[in-house]
């Protein structure tokens, strides 16, 4: 016979495996995804991958030839930032369904999630580890 704590541990492990599989599917889906942003004035377009790394910069017209170095640099930086923001939004949307407790995706990505909030698995482990009645009967 299994104890209630063992049943909870088995359920938590099964939940973990389901979530791990779901995350794998999401990661595979995002693997080849890109975000492309066209700069104002259509002078250039920037494409980034799902991690925000610049994959391509296209100069769509010859307008860049009439820009100062600082102006072109500013246009590149702002367009790259927009493309990265789009990629992050797509990634957040993809992962939103598997976030525990509806946490904000930005907090999860930036490490600001949780604080002192205990997850169900942490609560369960604390109960099992603090069980002073001796080993559970099997």
C-alpha atoms as a PDB file:
ATOM      1  CA  UNK A   1       0.000   0.000   0.000  1.00  0.00           C
ATOM      2  CA  UNK A   2       1.325   3.435  -0.852  1.00  0.00           C
ATOM      3  CA  UNK A   3       1.108   6.421   1.428  1.00  0.00           C
ATOM      4  CA  UNK A   4      -0.712   9.627   0.450  1.00  0.00           C
ATOM      5  CA  UNK A   5       2.687  11.381   0.236  1.00  0.00           C
ATOM      6  CA  UNK A   6       3.992   8.760  -2.205  1.00  0.00           C
ATOM      7  CA  UNK A   7       0.870   9.194  -4.321  1.00  0.00           C
ATOM      8  CA  UNK A   8       1.465  12.934  -4.333  1.00  0.00           C
ATOM      9  CA  UNK A   9       5.118  12.449  -5.299  1.00  0.00           C
ATOM     10  CA  UNK A  10       4.136  10.115  -8.147  1.00  0.00           C
ATOM     11  CA  UNK A  11       1.517  12.612  -9.331  1.00  0.00           C
ATOM     12  CA  UNK A  12       4.037  15.459  -9.150  1.00  0.00           C
ATOM     13  CA  UNK A  13       6.539  13.437 -11.197  1.00  0.00           C
ATOM     14  CA  UNK A  14       3.878  12.623 -13.795  1.00  0.00           C
ATOM     15  CA  UNK A  15       2.933  16.323 -13.978  1.00  0.00           C
ATOM     16  CA  UNK A  16       6.605  17.203 -14.352  1.00  0.00           C
ATOM     17  CA  UNK A  17       7.032  14.766 -17.249  1.00  0.00           C
ATOM     18  CA  UNK A  18       3.935  16.179 -19.003  1.00  0.00           C
ATOM     19  CA  UNK A  19       5.194  19.717 -18.607  1.00  0.00           C
ATOM     20  CA  UNK A  20       8.681  18.723 -19.782  1.00  0.00           C
ATOM     21  CA  UNK A  21       7.162  17.198 -22.936  1.00  0.00           C
ATOM     22  CA  UNK A  22       5.065  20.324 -23.538  1.00  0.00           C
ATOM     23  CA  UNK A  23       8.135  22.541 -23.167  1.00  0.00           C
ATOM     24  CA  UNK A  24      10.028  20.358 -25.634  1.00  0.00           C
ATOM     25  CA  UNK A  25       7.245  20.780 -28.187  1.00  0.00           C
ATOM     26  CA  UNK A  26       7.269  24.545 -27.725  1.00  0.00           C
ATOM     27  CA  UNK A  27      11.054  24.712 -28.072  1.00  0.00           C
ATOM     28  CA  UNK A  28      10.937  22.649 -31.270  1.00  0.00           C
ATOM     29  CA  UNK A  29       8.219  24.954 -32.619  1.00  0.00           C
ATOM     30  CA  UNK A  30      10.266  28.059 -31.876  1.00  0.00           C
ATOM     31  CA  UNK A  31      13.510  26.614 -33.228  1.00  0.00           C
ATOM     32  CA  UNK A  32      13.160  27.999 -36.743  1.00  0.00           C
ATOM     33  CA  UNK A  33      10.952  30.973 -35.977  1.00  0.00           C
ATOM     34  CA  UNK A  34      12.053  34.498 -36.811  1.00  0.00           C
ATOM     35  CA  UNK A  35      10.734  38.029 -36.444  1.00  0.00           C
ATOM     36  CA  UNK A  36      11.281  40.664 -39.094  1.00  0.00           C
ATOM     37  CA  UNK A  37      10.775  44.394 -38.612  1.00  0.00           C
ATOM     38  CA  UNK A  38      10.962  46.972 -41.398  1.00  0.00           C
ATOM     39  CA  UNK A  39      12.359  50.321 -40.279  1.00  0.00           C
ATOM     40  CA  UNK A  40      10.373  53.490 -40.716  1.00  0.00           C
ATOM     41  CA  UNK A  41      10.966  54.858 -44.163  1.00  0.00           C
ATOM     42  CA  UNK A  42      11.540  51.282 -45.337  1.00  0.00           C
ATOM     43  CA  UNK A  43      15.286  51.890 -45.471  1.00  0.00           C
ATOM     44  CA  UNK A  44      16.121  48.529 -43.920  1.00  0.00           C
ATOM     45  CA  UNK A  45      14.678  45.365 -42.410  1.00  0.00           C
ATOM     46  CA  UNK A  46      16.065  43.345 -39.501  1.00  0.00           C
ATOM     47  CA  UNK A  47      15.334  39.674 -38.869  1.00  0.00           C
ATOM     48  CA  UNK A  48      16.066  38.036 -35.510  1.00  0.00           C
ATOM     49  CA  UNK A  49      15.653  34.436 -34.387  1.00  0.00           C
ATOM     50  CA  UNK A  50      13.521  33.311 -31.431  1.00  0.00           C
ATOM     51  CA  UNK A  51      16.416  34.103 -29.057  1.00  0.00           C
ATOM     52  CA  UNK A  52      16.696  37.673 -30.357  1.00  0.00           C
ATOM     53  CA  UNK A  53      19.973  37.130 -32.205  1.00  0.00           C
ATOM     54  CA  UNK A  54      20.235  39.122 -35.416  1.00  0.00           C
ATOM     55  CA  UNK A  55      19.903  36.723 -38.339  1.00  0.00           C
ATOM     56  CA  UNK A  56      19.751  39.207 -41.218  1.00  0.00           C
ATOM     57  CA  UNK A  57      19.873  42.892 -42.046  1.00  0.00           C
ATOM     58  CA  UNK A  58      18.544  43.946 -45.469  1.00  0.00           C
ATOM     59  CA  UNK A  59      18.948  47.385 -46.946  1.00  0.00           C
ATOM     60  CA  UNK A  60      15.718  47.708 -48.890  1.00  0.00           C
ATOM     61  CA  UNK A  61      16.483  50.994 -50.624  1.00  0.00           C
ATOM     62  CA  UNK A  62      19.530  53.162 -51.139  1.00  0.00           C
ATOM     63  CA  UNK A  63      18.255  55.625 -48.519  1.00  0.00           C
ATOM     64  CA  UNK A  64      20.934  54.488 -46.081  1.00  0.00           C
ATOM     65  CA  UNK A  65      23.554  56.080 -48.361  1.00  0.00           C
ATOM     66  CA  UNK A  66      22.175  59.529 -47.579  1.00  0.00           C
ATOM     67  CA  UNK A  67      22.204  58.976 -43.788  1.00  0.00           C
ATOM     68  CA  UNK A  68      24.937  60.056 -41.455  1.00  0.00           C
ATOM     69  CA  UNK A  69      26.711  57.272 -39.588  1.00  0.00           C
ATOM     70  CA  UNK A  70      24.929  58.245 -36.363  1.00  0.00           C
ATOM     71  CA  UNK A  71      21.516  58.292 -38.070  1.00  0.00           C
ATOM     72  CA  UNK A  72      22.075  54.868 -39.646  1.00  0.00           C
ATOM     73  CA  UNK A  73      23.369  53.494 -36.350  1.00  0.00           C
ATOM     74  CA  UNK A  74      20.320  54.793 -34.470  1.00  0.00           C
ATOM     75  CA  UNK A  75      18.003  53.324 -37.103  1.00  0.00           C
ATOM     76  CA  UNK A  76      19.729  49.949 -36.867  1.00  0.00           C
ATOM     77  CA  UNK A  77      19.611  49.895 -33.065  1.00  0.00           C
ATOM     78  CA  UNK A  78      15.938  50.874 -32.863  1.00  0.00           C
ATOM     79  CA  UNK A  79      14.934  48.372 -35.556  1.00  0.00           C
ATOM     80  CA  UNK A  80      16.884  45.559 -33.873  1.00  0.00           C
ATOM     81  CA  UNK A  81      15.219  46.423 -30.545  1.00  0.00           C
ATOM     82  CA  UNK A  82      11.772  46.276 -32.166  1.00  0.00           C
ATOM     83  CA  UNK A  83      12.550  42.922 -33.792  1.00  0.00           C
ATOM     84  CA  UNK A  84      13.800  41.520 -30.470  1.00  0.00           C
ATOM     85  CA  UNK A  85      10.658  42.759 -28.708  1.00  0.00           C
ATOM     86  CA  UNK A  86       8.522  40.993 -31.331  1.00  0.00           C
ATOM     87  CA  UNK A  87      10.525  37.779 -30.913  1.00  0.00           C
ATOM     88  CA  UNK A  88      10.119  37.961 -27.124  1.00  0.00           C
ATOM     89  CA  UNK A  89       6.372  38.526 -27.484  1.00  0.00           C
ATOM     90  CA  UNK A  90       6.074  35.476 -29.744  1.00  0.00           C
ATOM     91  CA  UNK A  91       8.101  33.381 -27.290  1.00  0.00           C
ATOM     92  CA  UNK A  92       6.032  34.599 -24.337  1.00  0.00           C
ATOM     93  CA  UNK A  93       2.828  33.714 -26.147  1.00  0.00           C
ATOM     94  CA  UNK A  94       4.122  30.231 -26.957  1.00  0.00           C
ATOM     95  CA  UNK A  95       5.125  29.514 -23.344  1.00  0.00           C
ATOM     96  CA  UNK A  96       2.095  31.168 -21.681  1.00  0.00           C
ATOM     97  CA  UNK A  97       0.059  27.944 -21.658  1.00  0.00           C
ATOM     98  CA  UNK A  98       2.630  26.070 -19.569  1.00  0.00           C
ATOM     99  CA  UNK A  99       3.506  28.733 -17.020  1.00  0.00           C
ATOM    100  CA  UNK A 100       2.779  27.673 -13.454  1.00  0.00           C
ATOM    101  CA  UNK A 101       0.140  29.711 -11.649  1.00  0.00           C
ATOM    102  CA  UNK A 102      -0.258  32.235 -14.448  1.00  0.00           C
ATOM    103  CA  UNK A 103       3.032  34.024 -13.690  1.00  0.00           C
ATOM    104  CA  UNK A 104       3.966  36.881 -15.959  1.00  0.00           C
ATOM    105  CA  UNK A 105       6.218  35.531 -18.704  1.00  0.00           C
ATOM    106  CA  UNK A 106       8.553  38.500 -18.542  1.00  0.00           C
ATOM    107  CA  UNK A 107       9.151  37.799 -14.842  1.00  0.00           C
ATOM    108  CA  UNK A 108       9.882  34.149 -15.604  1.00  0.00           C
ATOM    109  CA  UNK A 109      12.377  35.082 -18.329  1.00  0.00           C
ATOM    110  CA  UNK A 110      14.094  37.767 -16.292  1.00  0.00           C
ATOM    111  CA  UNK A 111      14.322  35.757 -13.089  1.00  0.00           C
ATOM    112  CA  UNK A 112      12.007  38.023 -11.106  1.00  0.00           C
ATOM    113  CA  UNK A 113       9.319  35.353 -10.757  1.00  0.00           C
ATOM    114  CA  UNK A 114       8.360  33.703  -7.539  1.00  0.00           C
ATOM    115  CA  UNK A 115       9.952  35.568  -4.687  1.00  0.00           C
ATOM    116  CA  UNK A 116       8.997  33.568  -1.590  1.00  0.00           C
ATOM    117  CA  UNK A 117       6.065  31.829  -3.254  1.00  0.00           C
ATOM    118  CA  UNK A 118       6.220  28.086  -2.690  1.00  0.00           C
ATOM    119  CA  UNK A 119       5.270  25.828  -5.589  1.00  0.00           C
ATOM    120  CA  UNK A 120       3.035  22.794  -4.991  1.00  0.00           C
ATOM    121  CA  UNK A 121       6.049  20.508  -5.501  1.00  0.00           C
ATOM    122  CA  UNK A 122       8.081  22.453  -2.938  1.00  0.00           C
ATOM    123  CA  UNK A 123       5.200  22.206  -0.448  1.00  0.00           C
ATOM    124  CA  UNK A 124       4.922  18.478  -1.048  1.00  0.00           C
ATOM    125  CA  UNK A 125       8.640  17.909  -0.623  1.00  0.00           C
ATOM    126  CA  UNK A 126       8.634  19.930   2.588  1.00  0.00           C
ATOM    127  CA  UNK A 127       5.808  17.744   3.946  1.00  0.00           C
ATOM    128  CA  UNK A 128       7.604  14.536   3.008  1.00  0.00           C
ATOM    129  CA  UNK A 129      10.963  15.672   4.368  1.00  0.00           C
ATOM    130  CA  UNK A 130       9.469  16.980   7.594  1.00  0.00           C
ATOM    131  CA  UNK A 131       7.435  13.816   8.240  1.00  0.00           C
ATOM    132  CA  UNK A 132       8.573  12.812  11.754  1.00  0.00           C
ATOM    133  CA  UNK A 133       6.443   9.674  11.981  1.00  0.00           C
ATOM    134  CA  UNK A 134       9.185   7.583  10.433  1.00  0.00           C
ATOM    135  CA  UNK A 135       9.280   5.956   7.015  1.00  0.00           C
ATOM    136  CA  UNK A 136       6.022   5.602   5.135  1.00  0.00           C
ATOM    137  CA  UNK A 137       4.527   2.133   4.791  1.00  0.00           C
ATOM    138  CA  UNK A 138       4.518   0.662   1.308  1.00  0.00           C
END
